[in-house]
Amino acid sequence: MINKKTVMLVLTAVTLFAAVPTAAAEEAKDTKETVEIQILSTSDIHGKMLPYDYALDAEDTSGSLAQISTLVKELRTENTIVLDNGDLIQGNSADLFLDDEIHPMILGLNAVGYDIWVPGNHEFNYGVDTLK
């Protein structure tokens, strides 16, 4: 399960080890083997767990986590990386859950099977302590 400390630790590790060649990479280089990687990326979900805008009290099918989940299930392969580029916990009443131990949107990312989450600018609206 992804939590705030895990996210920050993973981001740090990825940054530190991004340039370190792995054994698999070295082996692939030696054999000239090519591996296709599919990257599925989302951004600016803004608290939309379901295709509904609570402020407008109306359906909004512009991209909720529920809709994204369906697409990820259809498109995911063994070589797929799913990541979100932030602006997840602000908007559509998501700020009501800022004091929860784990924000429901993070739980949603876990349920979909996201591999990486990167904080966006709106994650910092509530102070760094919210991200700890």
Protein backbone atom coordinates (compact mmCIF):
# COMPACT_ATOMS: atom_id res chain seq x y z
CA MET A 1 0.00 0.00 0.00
CA ILE A 2 1.31 3.46 -0.88
CA ASN A 3 1.60 5.95 1.97
CA LYS A 4 3.22 9.36 2.14
CA LYS A 5 6.56 8.16 3.50
CA THR A 6 6.74 5.41 0.90
CA VAL A 7 6.04 7.87 -1.91
CA MET A 8 8.80 10.21 -0.80
CA LEU A 9 11.24 7.30 -0.27
CA VAL A 10 10.48 5.89 -3.73
CA LEU A 11 10.92 9.30 -5.38
CA THR A 12 14.27 9.70 -3.64
CA ALA A 13 15.40 6.21 -4.63
CA VAL A 14 14.33 6.68 -8.24
CA THR A 15 16.22 9.95 -8.39
CA LEU A 16 19.38 8.44 -6.89
CA PHE A 17 19.41 5.23 -8.91
CA ALA A 18 18.01 6.44 -12.24
CA ALA A 19 21.45 6.55 -13.83
CA VAL A 20 22.73 3.26 -12.37
CA PRO A 21 22.70 0.51 -15.02
CA THR A 22 21.01 -2.68 -13.90
CA ALA A 23 22.15 -6.21 -14.69
CA ALA A 24 19.10 -6.65 -16.94
CA ALA A 25 19.98 -3.47 -18.82
CA GLU A 26 23.56 -4.61 -19.28
CA GLU A 27 22.39 -8.04 -20.48
CA ALA A 28 19.93 -6.48 -22.92
CA LYS A 29 22.70 -4.24 -24.25
CA ASP A 30 24.95 -7.26 -24.81
CA THR A 31 22.26 -9.24 -26.64
CA LYS A 32 20.76 -6.21 -28.41
CA GLU A 33 17.37 -7.32 -27.10
CA THR A 34 14.62 -4.72 -27.25
CA VAL A 35 11.86 -4.47 -24.69
CA GLU A 36 8.84 -2.26 -25.27
CA ILE A 37 7.59 -0.43 -22.21
CA GLN A 38 4.16 1.13 -22.10
CA ILE A 39 3.74 4.15 -19.83
CA LEU A 40 0.20 5.10 -18.82
CA SER A 41 0.19 8.52 -17.22
CA THR A 42 -2.51 10.62 -15.60
CA SER A 43 -2.51 14.11 -14.18
CA ASP A 44 -4.89 16.59 -12.59
CA ILE A 45 -7.47 14.10 -11.33
CA HIS A 46 -8.32 16.68 -8.63
CA GLY A 47 -10.15 14.40 -6.21
CA LYS A 48 -12.44 12.82 -8.78
CA MET A 49 -12.87 9.28 -7.50
CA LEU A 50 -16.12 8.88 -9.44
CA PRO A 51 -17.33 10.61 -12.63
CA TYR A 52 -19.23 13.22 -10.63
CA ASP A 53 -18.64 16.86 -9.75
CA TYR A 54 -19.95 17.42 -6.24
CA ALA A 55 -19.76 21.23 -6.47
CA LEU A 56 -22.02 21.21 -9.53
CA ASP A 57 -24.07 18.22 -8.34
CA ALA A 58 -23.73 16.78 -11.82
CA GLU A 59 -22.12 13.95 -13.76
CA ASP A 60 -18.66 14.76 -15.08
CA THR A 61 -17.07 12.15 -17.33
CA SER A 62 -13.88 14.12 -18.01
CA GLY A 63 -11.66 11.62 -16.22
CA SER A 64 -12.33 10.10 -12.82
CA LEU A 65 -10.26 7.44 -11.10
CA ALA A 66 -13.08 4.95 -11.74
CA GLN A 67 -12.90 5.62 -15.48
CA ILE A 68 -9.10 5.47 -15.43
CA SER A 69 -9.26 2.13 -13.62
CA THR A 70 -11.29 0.66 -16.47
CA LEU A 71 -8.76 1.86 -19.05
CA VAL A 72 -5.77 0.62 -17.06
CA LYS A 73 -7.35 -2.85 -16.79
CA GLU A 74 -7.86 -2.89 -20.56
CA LEU A 75 -4.41 -1.59 -21.51
CA ARG A 76 -2.02 -2.96 -18.87
CA THR A 77 0.60 -5.50 -19.97
CA GLU A 78 3.50 -7.03 -18.06
CA ASN A 79 5.66 -4.13 -19.30
CA THR A 80 3.33 -1.32 -18.26
CA ILE A 81 4.21 1.44 -15.82
CA VAL A 82 1.26 3.42 -14.46
CA LEU A 83 2.02 6.81 -12.96
CA ASP A 84 0.21 9.93 -11.85
CA ASN A 85 1.73 13.39 -12.18
CA GLY A 86 -0.04 14.98 -9.24
CA ASP A 87 -2.81 17.41 -8.42
CA LEU A 88 -4.67 14.50 -6.89
CA ILE A 89 -5.80 15.55 -3.40
CA GLN A 90 -7.17 19.03 -4.19
CA GLY A 91 -10.58 19.66 -5.72
CA ASN A 92 -14.01 17.99 -5.79
CA SER A 93 -14.15 18.01 -1.96
CA ALA A 94 -10.96 15.91 -1.67
CA ASP A 95 -9.67 18.36 0.94
CA LEU A 96 -12.25 16.95 3.40
CA PHE A 97 -9.95 13.94 3.81
CA LEU A 98 -6.63 15.71 4.40
CA ASP A 99 -6.53 14.60 8.05
CA ASP A 100 -7.09 10.92 7.21
CA GLU A 101 -4.11 8.66 7.83
CA ILE A 102 -4.19 7.70 4.15
CA HIS A 103 -6.06 9.95 1.73
CA PRO A 104 -8.85 8.10 -0.17
CA MET A 105 -7.33 9.15 -3.50
CA ILE A 106 -4.06 7.42 -2.55
CA LEU A 107 -6.10 4.34 -1.62
CA GLY A 108 -7.72 4.64 -5.04
CA LEU A 109 -4.32 4.72 -6.76
CA ASN A 110 -3.38 1.59 -4.84
CA ALA A 111 -6.60 -0.15 -5.92
CA VAL A 112 -5.97 0.71 -9.59
CA GLY A 113 -2.37 -0.49 -9.29
CA TYR A 114 -0.42 2.68 -9.91
CA ASP A 115 3.34 2.20 -9.76
CA ILE A 116 4.38 5.82 -9.20
CA TRP A 117 2.78 8.98 -7.83
CA VAL A 118 4.49 12.35 -8.15
CA PRO A 119 3.19 15.27 -6.06
CA GLY A 120 1.82 18.16 -8.13
CA ASN A 121 1.75 21.81 -7.23
CA HIS A 122 -1.69 21.56 -5.60
CA GLU A 123 -0.46 18.89 -3.17
CA PHE A 124 1.54 21.70 -1.55
CA ASN A 125 -1.54 23.94 -1.08
CA TYR A 126 -1.97 22.50 2.40
CA GLY A 127 1.67 22.59 3.55
CA VAL A 128 4.44 20.05 3.50
CA ASP A 129 3.19 18.41 6.72
CA THR A 130 0.15 17.15 4.80
CA LEU A 131 2.49 15.14 2.56
CA LYS A 132 4.38 13.47 5.42
